[in-house]
C-alpha atoms as a PDB file:
ATOM      1  CA  MET A   1      86.865  51.906   5.068  1.00  0.00           C
ATOM      2  CA  ALA A   2      86.465  49.955   7.850  1.00  0.00           C
ATOM      3  CA  ASP A   3      87.173  45.794   7.055  1.00  0.00           C
ATOM      4  CA  PHE A   4      84.423  43.429   7.319  1.00  0.00           C
ATOM      5  CA  GLU A   5      84.631  40.922  10.411  1.00  0.00           C
ATOM      6  CA  PRO A   6      85.339  37.554   9.034  1.00  0.00           C
ATOM      7  CA  ARG A   7      82.479  35.655   8.885  1.00  0.00           C
ATOM      8  CA  SER A   8      84.932  32.981  11.913  1.00  0.00           C
ATOM      9  CA  HIS A   9      84.598  35.862  14.577  1.00  0.00           C
ATOM     10  CA  ILE A  10      81.067  36.455  13.857  1.00  0.00           C
ATOM     11  CA  PRO A  11      78.739  35.710  17.220  1.00  0.00           C
ATOM     12  CA  ARG A  12      77.133  31.664  16.489  1.00  0.00           C
ATOM     13  CA  ALA A  13      74.473  34.164  17.625  1.00  0.00           C
ATOM     14  CA  ALA A  14      74.180  37.025  19.741  1.00  0.00           C
ATOM     15  CA  THR A  15      72.538  36.709  22.930  1.00  0.00           C
ATOM     16  CA  PRO A  16      69.434  39.483  22.587  1.00  0.00           C
ATOM     17  CA  ALA A  17      69.634  41.803  24.716  1.00  0.00           C
ATOM     18  CA  ARG A  18      67.489  41.686  28.144  1.00  0.00           C
ATOM     19  CA  ALA A  19      66.733  46.020  28.408  1.00  0.00           C
ATOM     20  CA  PRO A  20      63.739  47.005  27.038  1.00  0.00           C
ATOM     21  CA  GLU A  21      63.642  48.009  23.333  1.00  0.00           C
ATOM     22  CA  PRO A  22      61.639  51.053  21.763  1.00  0.00           C
ATOM     23  CA  ALA A  23      58.020  50.507  21.038  1.00  0.00           C
ATOM     24  CA  LEU A  24      57.769  50.208  17.138  1.00  0.00           C
ATOM     25  CA  PRO A  25      55.446  52.680  15.471  1.00  0.00           C
ATOM     26  CA  ALA A  26      52.768  51.693  13.605  1.00  0.00           C
ATOM     27  CA  ASP A  27      53.898  52.829   9.882  1.00  0.00           C
ATOM     28  CA  ALA A  28      57.073  50.978  11.021  1.00  0.00           C
ATOM     29  CA  PHE A  29      56.588  48.413   8.456  1.00  0.00           C
ATOM     30  CA  PRO A  30      55.420  50.555   5.304  1.00  0.00           C
ATOM     31  CA  GLY A  31      53.520  48.539   3.167  1.00  0.00           C
ATOM     32  CA  CYS A  32      52.223  46.076   6.011  1.00  0.00           C
ATOM     33  CA  THR A  33      48.869  45.683   7.863  1.00  0.00           C
ATOM     34  CA  ALA A  34      48.853  45.739  11.792  1.00  0.00           C
ATOM     35  CA  ARG A  35      46.826  43.185  13.162  1.00  0.00           C
ATOM     36  CA  ARG A  36      46.377  42.382  16.946  1.00  0.00           C
ATOM     37  CA  VAL A  37      48.020  38.780  17.669  1.00  0.00           C
ATOM     38  CA  PRO A  38      47.514  38.106  21.347  1.00  0.00           C
ATOM     39  CA  ARG A  39      50.214  36.087  23.082  1.00  0.00           C
ATOM     40  CA  SER A  40      48.186  32.831  22.962  1.00  0.00           C
ATOM     41  CA  GLU A  41      47.990  32.994  19.353  1.00  0.00           C
ATOM     42  CA  ILE A  42      51.111  33.199  18.329  1.00  0.00           C
ATOM     43  CA  ASP A  43      52.341  29.983  18.430  1.00  0.00           C
ATOM     44  CA  THR A  44      49.614  29.097  16.121  1.00  0.00           C
ATOM     45  CA  TRP A  45      50.003  31.874  13.442  1.00  0.00           C
ATOM     46  CA  GLU A  46      50.662  30.011  10.719  1.00  0.00           C
ATOM     47  CA  GLY A  47      50.499  33.131   8.131  1.00  0.00           C
ATOM     48  CA  ARG A  48      53.224  35.208   6.444  1.00  0.00           C
ATOM     49  CA  LEU A  49      54.370  38.097   8.665  1.00  0.00           C
ATOM     50  CA  GLU A  50      56.768  40.967   8.473  1.00  0.00           C
ATOM     51  CA  CYS A  51      57.548  41.596  12.465  1.00  0.00           C
ATOM     52  CA  TRP A  52      55.181  40.568  15.679  1.00  0.00           C
ATOM     53  CA  ASP A  53      56.100  41.973  18.520  1.00  0.00           C
ATOM     54  CA  ALA A  54      55.243  40.914  22.232  1.00  0.00           C
ATOM     55  CA  ASP A  55      54.673  43.886  24.289  1.00  0.00           C
ATOM     56  CA  SER A  56      51.895  45.299  21.545  1.00  0.00           C
ATOM     57  CA  GLU A  57      50.876  41.958  20.302  1.00  0.00           C
ATOM     58  CA  ILE A  58      50.639  43.689  16.682  1.00  0.00           C
ATOM     59  CA  ALA A  59      51.888  41.911  13.603  1.00  0.00           C
ATOM     60  CA  TRP A  60      52.288  43.521  10.865  1.00  0.00           C
ATOM     61  CA  VAL A  61      51.453  41.548   7.857  1.00  0.00           C
ATOM     62  CA  ALA A  62      51.833  42.461   3.927  1.00  0.00           C
ATOM     63  CA  GLU A  63      50.118  40.620   1.595  1.00  0.00           C
ATOM     64  CA  PRO A  64      48.267  39.292  -0.724  1.00  0.00           C
ATOM     65  CA  THR A  65      52.149  38.010  -1.727  1.00  0.00           C
ATOM     66  CA  THR A  66      52.450  38.203  -6.024  1.00  0.00           C
ATOM     67  CA  PRO A  67      54.383  36.427  -8.254  1.00  0.00           C
ATOM     68  CA  TYR A  68      56.801  39.570  -8.532  1.00  0.00           C
ATOM     69  CA  HIS A  69      57.207  39.553  -4.934  1.00  0.00           C
ATOM     70  CA  GLU A  70      57.353  35.353  -4.691  1.00  0.00           C
ATOM     71  CA  LYS A  71      60.017  35.224  -8.079  1.00  0.00           C
ATOM     72  CA  PRO A  72      63.305  36.628  -6.390  1.00  0.00           C
ATOM     73  CA  SER A  73      63.097  34.218  -3.464  1.00  0.00           C
ATOM     74  CA  ARG A  74      62.365  31.284  -5.139  1.00  0.00           C
ATOM     75  CA  ARG A  75      64.728  31.880  -8.008  1.00  0.00           C
ATOM     76  CA  LEU A  76      67.666  32.323  -5.000  1.00  0.00           C
ATOM     77  CA  THR A  77      66.907  28.904  -4.164  1.00  0.00           C
ATOM     78  CA  ALA A  78      67.525  27.318  -7.421  1.00  0.00           C
ATOM     79  CA  LEU A  79      70.740  29.775  -7.488  1.00  0.00           C
ATOM     80  CA  MET A  80      71.980  28.056  -4.324  1.00  0.00           C
ATOM     81  CA  ASP A  81      70.969  25.236  -5.506  1.00  0.00           C
ATOM     82  CA  ARG A  82      73.454  25.392  -8.640  1.00  0.00           C
ATOM     83  CA  ILE A  83      76.639  27.222  -6.309  1.00  0.00           C
ATOM     84  CA  ALA A  84      76.347  24.456  -4.242  1.00  0.00           C
ATOM     85  CA  ALA A  85      76.861  21.574  -6.746  1.00  0.00           C
ATOM     86  CA  GLU A  86      79.296  23.781  -8.466  1.00  0.00           C
ATOM     87  CA  ARG A  87      81.253  23.706  -4.614  1.00  0.00           C
ATOM     88  CA  GLY A  88      80.248  20.171  -4.160  1.00  0.00           C
ATOM     89  CA  SER A  89      78.734  20.621  -0.572  1.00  0.00           C
ATOM     90  CA  ALA A  90      74.804  21.634   0.111  1.00  0.00           C
ATOM     91  CA  ILE A  91      73.794  24.717   1.182  1.00  0.00           C
ATOM     92  CA  ALA A  92      70.657  25.038   3.028  1.00  0.00           C
ATOM     93  CA  CYS A  93      67.663  27.413   2.207  1.00  0.00           C
ATOM     94  CA  TYR A  94      64.999  27.746   5.195  1.00  0.00           C
ATOM     95  CA  GLY A  95      62.356  29.923   3.516  1.00  0.00           C
ATOM     96  CA  SER A  96      60.416  32.194   5.572  1.00  0.00           C
ATOM     97  CA  MET A  97      60.889  30.911   8.612  1.00  0.00           C
ATOM     98  CA  ASP A  98      60.452  32.672  11.793  1.00  0.00           C
ATOM     99  CA  LEU A  99      63.256  34.248  13.588  1.00  0.00           C
ATOM    100  CA  MET A 100      62.629  34.625  16.928  1.00  0.00           C
ATOM    101  CA  GLN A 101      64.049  36.362  20.066  1.00  0.00           C
ATOM    102  CA  ARG A 102      62.722  34.497  23.445  1.00  0.00           C
ATOM    103  CA  ASP A 103      62.505  37.020  26.699  1.00  0.00           C
ATOM    104  CA  GLU A 104      63.589  35.897  29.929  1.00  0.00           C
ATOM    105  CA  HIS A 105      60.793  33.433  30.869  1.00  0.00           C
ATOM    106  CA  GLY A 106      61.061  31.886  27.161  1.00  0.00           C
ATOM    107  CA  ALA A 107      58.638  33.423  25.189  1.00  0.00           C
ATOM    108  CA  PRO A 108      58.446  34.535  21.979  1.00  0.00           C
ATOM    109  CA  ARG A 109      59.536  38.550  22.591  1.00  0.00           C
ATOM    110  CA  ARG A 110      59.518  39.439  18.791  1.00  0.00           C
ATOM    111  CA  ILE A 111      59.392  37.735  15.482  1.00  0.00           C
ATOM    112  CA  LEU A 112      60.699  38.487  12.073  1.00  0.00           C
ATOM    113  CA  GLN A 113      60.308  36.729   9.000  1.00  0.00           C
ATOM    114  CA  ALA A 114      62.583  37.137   5.892  1.00  0.00           C
ATOM    115  CA  ASP A 115      61.723  36.341   2.475  1.00  0.00           C
ATOM    116  CA  GLU A 116      64.853  33.337   2.432  1.00  0.00           C
ATOM    117  CA  SER A 117      66.948  32.007   4.764  1.00  0.00           C
ATOM    118  CA  VAL A 118      70.289  30.942   3.496  1.00  0.00           C
ATOM    119  CA  TYR A 119      73.070  29.162   5.468  1.00  0.00           C
ATOM    120  CA  VAL A 120      76.384  28.449   3.838  1.00  0.00           C
ATOM    121  CA  HIS A 121      77.759  25.570   5.674  1.00  0.00           C
ATOM    122  CA  PRO A 122      74.975  23.665   7.339  1.00  0.00           C
ATOM    123  CA  ARG A 123      77.240  20.676   8.369  1.00  0.00           C
ATOM    124  CA  ARG A 124      79.310  23.192  10.359  1.00  0.00           C
ATOM    125  CA  ALA A 125      76.230  25.600  11.738  1.00  0.00           C
ATOM    126  CA  ARG A 126      74.104  25.042  14.460  1.00  0.00           C
ATOM    127  CA  LEU A 127      70.361  24.857  12.557  1.00  0.00           C
ATOM    128  CA  PRO A 128      67.484  25.822  13.875  1.00  0.00           C
ATOM    129  CA  GLY A 129      64.948  23.088  15.216  1.00  0.00           C
ATOM    130  CA  PRO A 130      61.584  22.531  13.794  1.00  0.00           C
ATOM    131  CA  LYS A 131      60.024  25.703  15.448  1.00  0.00           C
ATOM    132  CA  ALA A 132      61.930  28.765  14.297  1.00  0.00           C
ATOM    133  CA  MET A 133      65.703  30.144  14.374  1.00  0.00           C
ATOM    134  CA  MET A 134      66.135  30.748  17.893  1.00  0.00           C
ATOM    135  CA  ALA A 135      68.389  34.245  18.470  1.00  0.00           C
ATOM    136  CA  GLY A 136      71.087  33.296  20.740  1.00  0.00           C
ATOM    137  CA  GLU A 137      70.678  29.832  20.824  1.00  0.00           C
ATOM    138  CA  ASP A 138      70.795  29.359  16.805  1.00  0.00           C
ATOM    139  CA  ASP A 139      73.441  30.288  14.775  1.00  0.00           C
ATOM    140  CA  PHE A 140      71.839  33.059  12.143  1.00  0.00           C
ATOM    141  CA  PRO A 141      71.724  32.526   8.331  1.00  0.00           C
ATOM    142  CA  ASP A 142      74.256  33.732   6.676  1.00  0.00           C
ATOM    143  CA  VAL A 143      72.228  35.674   4.556  1.00  0.00           C
ATOM    144  CA  VAL A 144      68.688  36.660   4.607  1.00  0.00           C
ATOM    145  CA  LEU A 145      66.773  38.336   1.266  1.00  0.00           C
ATOM    146  CA  GLU A 146      64.159  40.695   1.942  1.00  0.00           C
ATOM    147  CA  VAL A 147      62.117  41.443  -1.598  1.00  0.00           C
ATOM    148  CA  ASP A 148      60.991  44.893  -0.787  1.00  0.00           C
ATOM    149  CA  HIS A 149      57.630  44.933  -3.702  1.00  0.00           C
ATOM    150  CA  THR A 150      55.667  47.212  -1.981  1.00  0.00           C
ATOM    151  CA  THR A 151      57.578  47.319   1.557  1.00  0.00           C
ATOM    152  CA  ASP A 152      60.120  48.946   2.513  1.00  0.00           C
ATOM    153  CA  VAL A 153      62.697  47.189   5.268  1.00  0.00           C
ATOM    154  CA  ARG A 154      64.943  50.292   5.590  1.00  0.00           C
ATOM    155  CA  ARG A 155      62.601  51.954   8.162  1.00  0.00           C
ATOM    156  CA  ALA A 156      62.634  49.832  10.887  1.00  0.00           C
ATOM    157  CA  LYS A 157      63.126  45.921  10.468  1.00  0.00           C
ATOM    158  CA  LEU A 158      67.004  46.587   8.757  1.00  0.00           C
ATOM    159  CA  GLY A 159      67.773  48.123  12.145  1.00  0.00           C
ATOM    160  CA  LEU A 160      66.140  44.923  14.035  1.00  0.00           C
ATOM    161  CA  TYR A 161      68.508  42.522  11.918  1.00  0.00           C
ATOM    162  CA  GLU A 162      71.535  44.950  12.622  1.00  0.00           C
ATOM    163  CA  ALA A 163      70.742  45.073  16.702  1.00  0.00           C
ATOM    164  CA  TRP A 164      70.177  41.147  16.325  1.00  0.00           C
ATOM    165  CA  GLY A 165      73.067  40.680  15.049  1.00  0.00           C
ATOM    166  CA  PHE A 166      72.739  39.217  11.479  1.00  0.00           C
ATOM    167  CA  PRO A 167      75.968  38.869   9.831  1.00  0.00           C
ATOM    168  CA  GLU A 168      74.334  39.880   5.940  1.00  0.00           C
ATOM    169  CA  VAL A 169      71.044  41.214   4.553  1.00  0.00           C
ATOM    170  CA  TRP A 170      70.017  41.639   1.074  1.00  0.00           C
ATOM    171  CA  VAL A 171      67.368  43.661   0.040  1.00  0.00           C
ATOM    172  CA  GLU A 172      65.813  43.053  -3.344  1.00  0.00           C
ATOM    173  CA  VAL A 173      63.734  45.676  -5.207  1.00  0.00           C
ATOM    174  CA  PRO A 174      62.504  43.588  -7.871  1.00  0.00           C
ATOM    175  CA  GLU A 175      62.660  44.909 -11.910  1.00  0.00           C
ATOM    176  CA  GLN A 176      58.966  44.202 -11.979  1.00  0.00           C
ATOM    177  CA  ARG A 177      56.658  47.151 -10.403  1.00  0.00           C
ATOM    178  CA  ALA A 178      54.134  47.425  -8.511  1.00  0.00           C
ATOM    179  CA  ALA A 179      51.344  50.279  -9.013  1.00  0.00           C
ATOM    180  CA  SER A 180      51.725  50.784  -5.012  1.00  0.00           C
ATOM    181  CA  ARG A 181      55.021  51.034  -5.083  1.00  0.00           C
ATOM    182  CA  PRO A 182      56.811  53.900  -4.392  1.00  0.00           C
ATOM    183  CA  ARG A 183      58.239  56.045  -7.363  1.00  0.00           C
ATOM    184  CA  ARG A 184      61.682  56.781  -5.700  1.00  0.00           C
ATOM    185  CA  ARG A 185      62.302  53.012  -5.216  1.00  0.00           C
ATOM    186  CA  ARG A 186      64.125  51.991  -8.139  1.00  0.00           C
ATOM    187  CA  PRO A 187      65.026  48.311  -8.829  1.00  0.00           C
ATOM    188  CA  GLY A 188      68.182  47.305  -7.450  1.00  0.00           C
ATOM    189  CA  LEU A 189      69.976  45.272  -4.829  1.00  0.00           C
ATOM    190  CA  THR A 190      71.854  46.058  -2.138  1.00  0.00           C
ATOM    191  CA  ILE A 191      73.895  44.369   0.181  1.00  0.00           C
ATOM    192  CA  HIS A 192      74.046  45.011   4.432  1.00  0.00           C
ATOM    193  CA  ARG A 193      77.099  43.197   5.838  1.00  0.00           C
ATOM    194  CA  ARG A 194      78.302  43.596   9.472  1.00  0.00           C
ATOM    195  CA  VAL A 195      80.660  45.870   9.945  1.00  0.00           C
ATOM    196  CA  ALA A 196      82.184  46.452  13.668  1.00  0.00           C
ATOM    197  CA  GLY A 197      78.517  45.994  14.928  1.00  0.00           C
ATOM    198  CA  ALA A 198      76.433  47.801  12.141  1.00  0.00           C
ATOM    199  CA  PHE A 199      75.362  47.345   8.643  1.00  0.00           C
ATOM    200  CA  GLN A 200      77.566  48.715   5.761  1.00  0.00           C
ATOM    201  CA  ALA A 201      76.265  48.784   2.369  1.00  0.00           C
ATOM    202  CA  SER A 202      79.292  46.740   0.466  1.00  0.00           C
ATOM    203  CA  ALA A 203      78.999  46.179  -3.325  1.00  0.00           C
ATOM    204  CA  THR A 204      79.854  42.089  -3.124  1.00  0.00           C
ATOM    205  CA  SER A 205      79.013  39.567  -0.385  1.00  0.00           C
ATOM    206  CA  GLY A 206      80.735  38.468   2.253  1.00  0.00           C
ATOM    207  CA  ALA A 207      78.839  35.266   2.710  1.00  0.00           C
ATOM    208  CA  PHE A 208      79.520  33.866  -1.224  1.00  0.00           C
ATOM    209  CA  PRO A 209      83.275  35.401  -2.740  1.00  0.00           C
ATOM    210  CA  GLY A 210      83.101  38.152  -5.508  1.00  0.00           C
ATOM    211  CA  TRP A 211      79.161  37.842  -5.896  1.00  0.00           C
ATOM    212  CA  THR A 212      78.172  41.268  -6.827  1.00  0.00           C
ATOM    213  CA  ALA A 213      75.123  43.050  -5.993  1.00  0.00           C
ATOM    214  CA  ALA A 214      74.489  44.280  -9.643  1.00  0.00           C
ATOM    215  CA  GLU A 215      74.950  39.953 -11.067  1.00  0.00           C
ATOM    216  CA  ILE A 216      72.685  39.223  -7.836  1.00  0.00           C
ATOM    217  CA  HIS A 217      69.796  41.639  -8.883  1.00  0.00           C
ATOM    218  CA  ALA A 218      70.663  40.285 -12.276  1.00  0.00           C
ATOM    219  CA  ALA A 219      70.336  36.748 -11.791  1.00  0.00           C
ATOM    220  CA  LEU A 220      66.994  36.783  -9.594  1.00  0.00           C
ATOM    221  CA  ASN A 221      65.091  38.813 -12.285  1.00  0.00           C
ATOM    222  CA  GLU A 222      66.026  37.118 -15.693  1.00  0.00           C
ATOM    223  CA  THR A 223      62.921  35.610 -16.963  1.00  0.00           C
ATOM    224  CA  ASP A 224      65.724  32.482 -18.427  1.00  0.00           C
ATOM    225  CA  LEU A 225      69.441  32.103 -16.275  1.00  0.00           C
ATOM    226  CA  SER A 226      71.860  33.457 -19.117  1.00  0.00           C
ATOM    227  CA  GLU A 227      74.957  32.398 -20.128  1.00  0.00           C
ATOM    228  CA  ARG A 228      76.742  35.059 -18.016  1.00  0.00           C
ATOM    229  CA  THR A 229      74.710  34.361 -15.250  1.00  0.00           C
ATOM    230  CA  PHE A 230      75.941  30.761 -15.169  1.00  0.00           C
ATOM    231  CA  ALA A 231      79.465  31.531 -15.437  1.00  0.00           C
ATOM    232  CA  VAL A 232      79.088  33.832 -12.130  1.00  0.00           C
ATOM    233  CA  LEU A 233      77.477  30.790 -10.511  1.00  0.00           C
ATOM    234  CA  HIS A 234      80.570  28.623 -11.627  1.00  0.00           C
ATOM    235  CA  ARG A 235      82.713  31.760 -10.533  1.00  0.00           C
ATOM    236  CA  VAL A 236      81.197  32.178  -7.152  1.00  0.00           C
ATOM    237  CA  GLY A 237      81.081  27.788  -6.727  1.00  0.00           C
ATOM    238  CA  ALA A 238      84.677  27.616  -7.476  1.00  0.00           C
ATOM    239  CA  ALA A 239      85.514  30.251  -5.064  1.00  0.00           C
ATOM    240  CA  LEU A 240      83.538  28.568  -2.210  1.00  0.00           C
ATOM    241  CA  GLY A 241      85.085  25.195  -3.372  1.00  0.00           C
ATOM    242  CA  ALA A 242      88.343  26.209  -3.215  1.00  0.00           C
ATOM    243  CA  GLN A 243      88.216  27.546   0.134  1.00  0.00           C
ATOM    244  CA  ASP A 244      86.557  24.136   1.672  1.00  0.00           C
ATOM    245  CA  GLY A 245      89.061  21.866  -0.781  1.00  0.00           C
ATOM    246  CA  THR A 246      86.087  20.420  -2.411  1.00  0.00           C
ATOM    247  CA  GLY A 247      84.506  20.217  -6.477  1.00  0.00           C
ATOM    248  CA  PRO A 248      81.835  19.471  -8.391  1.00  0.00           C
ATOM    249  CA  ASP A 249      83.072  16.082  -8.180  1.00  0.00           C
ATOM    250  CA  ASP A 250      82.156  16.063  -4.683  1.00  0.00           C
ATOM    251  CA  ASP A 251      78.444  16.744  -5.394  1.00  0.00           C
ATOM    252  CA  PRO A 252      76.346  13.669  -5.757  1.00  0.00           C
ATOM    253  CA  MET A 253      74.037  14.206  -9.110  1.00  0.00           C
ATOM    254  CA  LEU A 254      77.384  16.406 -10.744  1.00  0.00           C
ATOM    255  CA  GLY A 255      79.614  14.512  -9.566  1.00  0.00           C
ATOM    256  CA  TRP A 256      78.113  11.284 -10.837  1.00  0.00           C
ATOM    257  CA  HIS A 257      77.301  12.798 -14.672  1.00  0.00           C
ATOM    258  CA  ARG A 258      80.884  13.622 -14.965  1.00  0.00           C
ATOM    259  CA  ARG A 259      82.170  10.246 -13.931  1.00  0.00           C
ATOM    260  CA  GLN A 260      79.648   8.803 -16.354  1.00  0.00           C
ATOM    261  CA  SER A 261      81.167  11.363 -18.615  1.00  0.00           C
ATOM    262  CA  ARG A 262      84.800  10.440 -18.607  1.00  0.00           C
ATOM    263  CA  ALA A 263      84.146   6.813 -18.297  1.00  0.00           C
ATOM    264  CA  GLU A 264      82.050   7.706 -21.789  1.00  0.00           C
ATOM    265  CA  GLY A 265      85.266   9.353 -23.058  1.00  0.00           C
ATOM    266  CA  ARG A 266      87.173   6.576 -21.970  1.00  0.00           C
ATOM    267  CA  ALA A 267      85.050   4.007 -24.030  1.00  0.00           C
ATOM    268  CA  ALA A 268      84.976   5.995 -26.627  1.00  0.00           C
ATOM    269  CA  THR A 269      89.085   6.296 -27.105  1.00  0.00           C
ATOM    270  CA  ARG A 270      89.318   2.860 -26.948  1.00  0.00           C
ATOM    271  CA  LEU A 271      86.815   1.712 -29.054  1.00  0.00           C
ATOM    272  CA  GLU A 272      88.809   3.978 -31.602  1.00  0.00           C
ATOM    273  CA  MET A 273      91.769   2.466 -30.620  1.00  0.00           C
ATOM    274  CA  VAL A 274      90.548  -1.075 -31.586  1.00  0.00           C
ATOM    275  CA  ARG A 275      89.513   0.425 -35.176  1.00  0.00           C
ATOM    276  CA  GLU A 276      92.700   1.972 -35.648  1.00  0.00           C
ATOM    277  CA  ILE A 277      95.018  -1.692 -35.021  1.00  0.00           C
ATOM    278  CA  LEU A 278      92.519  -3.511 -36.887  1.00  0.00           C
ATOM    279  CA  ARG A 279      92.298  -1.512 -39.890  1.00  0.00           C
ATOM    280  CA  ALA A 280      96.239  -1.143 -39.857  1.00  0.00           C
ATOM    281  CA  ARG A 281      95.731  -5.134 -39.875  1.00  0.00           C
ATOM    282  CA  GLY A 282      93.980  -5.020 -42.998  1.00  0.00           C
ATOM    283  CA  ILE A 283      90.850  -6.289 -41.120  1.00  0.00           C
ATOM    284  CA  PRO A 284      87.679  -4.756 -42.382  1.00  0.00           C
ATOM    285  CA  VAL A 285      85.328  -3.077 -39.693  1.00  0.00           C
ATOM    286  CA  SER A 286      82.210  -2.724 -40.097  1.00  0.00           C
ATOM    287  CA  ASP A 287      79.791   0.284 -39.531  1.00  0.00           C
ATOM    288  CA  GLN A 288      77.707  -1.630 -36.781  1.00  0.00           C
ATOM    289  CA  GLY A 289      80.202  -4.340 -35.606  1.00  0.00           C
ATOM    290  CA  LEU A 290      81.472  -2.506 -33.054  1.00  0.00           C
ATOM    291  CA  ALA A 291      79.535  -0.020 -32.557  1.00  0.00           C
ATOM    292  CA  ARG A 292      78.375  -0.857 -29.205  1.00  0.00           C
ATOM    293  CA  VAL A 293      80.364  -3.289 -27.761  1.00  0.00           C
ATOM    294  CA  PRO A 294      80.093  -3.211 -23.500  1.00  0.00           C
ATOM    295  CA  GLU A 295      82.695  -5.963 -23.411  1.00  0.00           C
ATOM    296  CA  ILE A 296      85.902  -3.333 -24.509  1.00  0.00           C
ATOM    297  CA  ASP A 297      84.644  -0.976 -21.375  1.00  0.00           C
ATOM    298  CA  VAL A 298      85.243  -3.749 -18.840  1.00  0.00           C
ATOM    299  CA  THR A 299      88.288  -6.057 -20.326  1.00  0.00           C
ATOM    300  CA  PRO A 300      91.543  -4.361 -19.285  1.00  0.00           C
ATOM    301  CA  ASP A 301      93.941  -2.242 -21.625  1.00  0.00           C
ATOM    302  CA  ASP A 302      96.275  -5.044 -22.828  1.00  0.00           C
ATOM    303  CA  THR A 303      93.681  -7.788 -23.348  1.00  0.00           C
ATOM    304  CA  VAL A 304      91.962  -5.834 -25.254  1.00  0.00           C
ATOM    305  CA  VAL A 305      94.861  -4.596 -27.491  1.00  0.00           C
ATOM    306  CA  ARG A 306      96.128  -8.361 -27.394  1.00  0.00           C
ATOM    307  CA  ALA A 307      92.930  -9.501 -29.033  1.00  0.00           C
ATOM    308  CA  ALA A 308      92.817  -6.767 -31.482  1.00  0.00           C
ATOM    309  CA  ILE A 309      96.455  -7.910 -32.722  1.00  0.00           C
ATOM    310  CA  ALA A 310      95.671 -11.755 -32.736  1.00  0.00           C
ATOM    311  CA  CYS A 311      92.116 -11.687 -33.917  1.00  0.00           C
ATOM    312  CA  HIS A 312      91.521 -12.678 -37.748  1.00  0.00           C
ATOM    313  CA  ASP A 313      88.403 -10.642 -38.098  1.00  0.00           C
ATOM    314  CA  GLU A 314      85.917  -9.006 -36.450  1.00  0.00           C
ATOM    315  CA  ALA A 315      83.847 -11.814 -35.335  1.00  0.00           C
ATOM    316  CA  ASP A 316      87.097 -13.143 -34.171  1.00  0.00           C
ATOM    317  CA  PHE A 317      87.860 -10.066 -32.146  1.00  0.00           C
ATOM    318  CA  LEU A 318      84.718 -10.488 -30.081  1.00  0.00           C
ATOM    319  CA  ALA A 319      84.605 -13.937 -29.557  1.00  0.00           C
ATOM    320  CA  ARG A 320      88.299 -13.294 -27.460  1.00  0.00           C
ATOM    321  CA  LEU A 321      86.571 -10.982 -25.160  1.00  0.00           C
ATOM    322  CA  GLY A 322      84.279 -13.401 -24.258  1.00  0.00           C
ATOM    323  CA  ARG A 323      81.084 -12.429 -26.817  1.00  0.00           C
ATOM    324  CA  GLY A 324      79.243 -15.154 -27.784  1.00  0.00           C
ATOM    325  CA  ARG A 325      80.853 -17.612 -25.982  1.00  0.00           C
END
């Protein structure tokens, strides 16, 4: 089996070929409706689409969207947030933004929309501008997700992703089945990774080290995230962090919680130390007197110990720390 291309060796965004591409047949996008959208209107088109082609002025549209179709892409965004927290740096999700090729005049040539577009290292990437991701100008997403609820990207869309130069495409067929889904489409997730310029099915992701197709599919389809999935997300986030030299302490919110927890642990340990000193000296310790003593948290250790050794009683100890003065 050929080795997968290292991410650093994949072009930041392959420049689209200028030679004419084969026309897309009307049935290139199963489950979609072909609609004419003139070039003059594509800039103001605000609906969802699978693909738009300038030569034919046809947009292939899959609608209406259903909860069964939308859940996996929304869930993926939540999974990215948890992996990013474990790694300690952000992952950017751009949803179903336009993925655009321009012609030699700079006008839209073809437009694709994925169900989710993920940048694993947004601080290093040339990110899309406000209009679209432009092939040959912006970096491709590290991963795009396609949810084949009633569609089938294998007919044409996957080939377009391959021809453009995308590094990794996930195709998810949800567990919950629509009546219109062909029976031959079995639930599961397939990872298509770029190898020597072409896609090859892989058991694991290249963008997320060690994350398997089976694990991703399970996480996208669970009603509530399971303990097993949380363990997987921790593993994947830790693997990314090991590559970057970061961890949970570098995440703004998770790091804050961890620091608070450690501070609370130190305060509890110091309070128990004071209780032991006073008890050893035969000084009664009330249940509430030392229950919450903020002064202990901000007073140096040696000062706290000296006060506990020198005090005559609990009230004197508190006074030596400044309480009541």
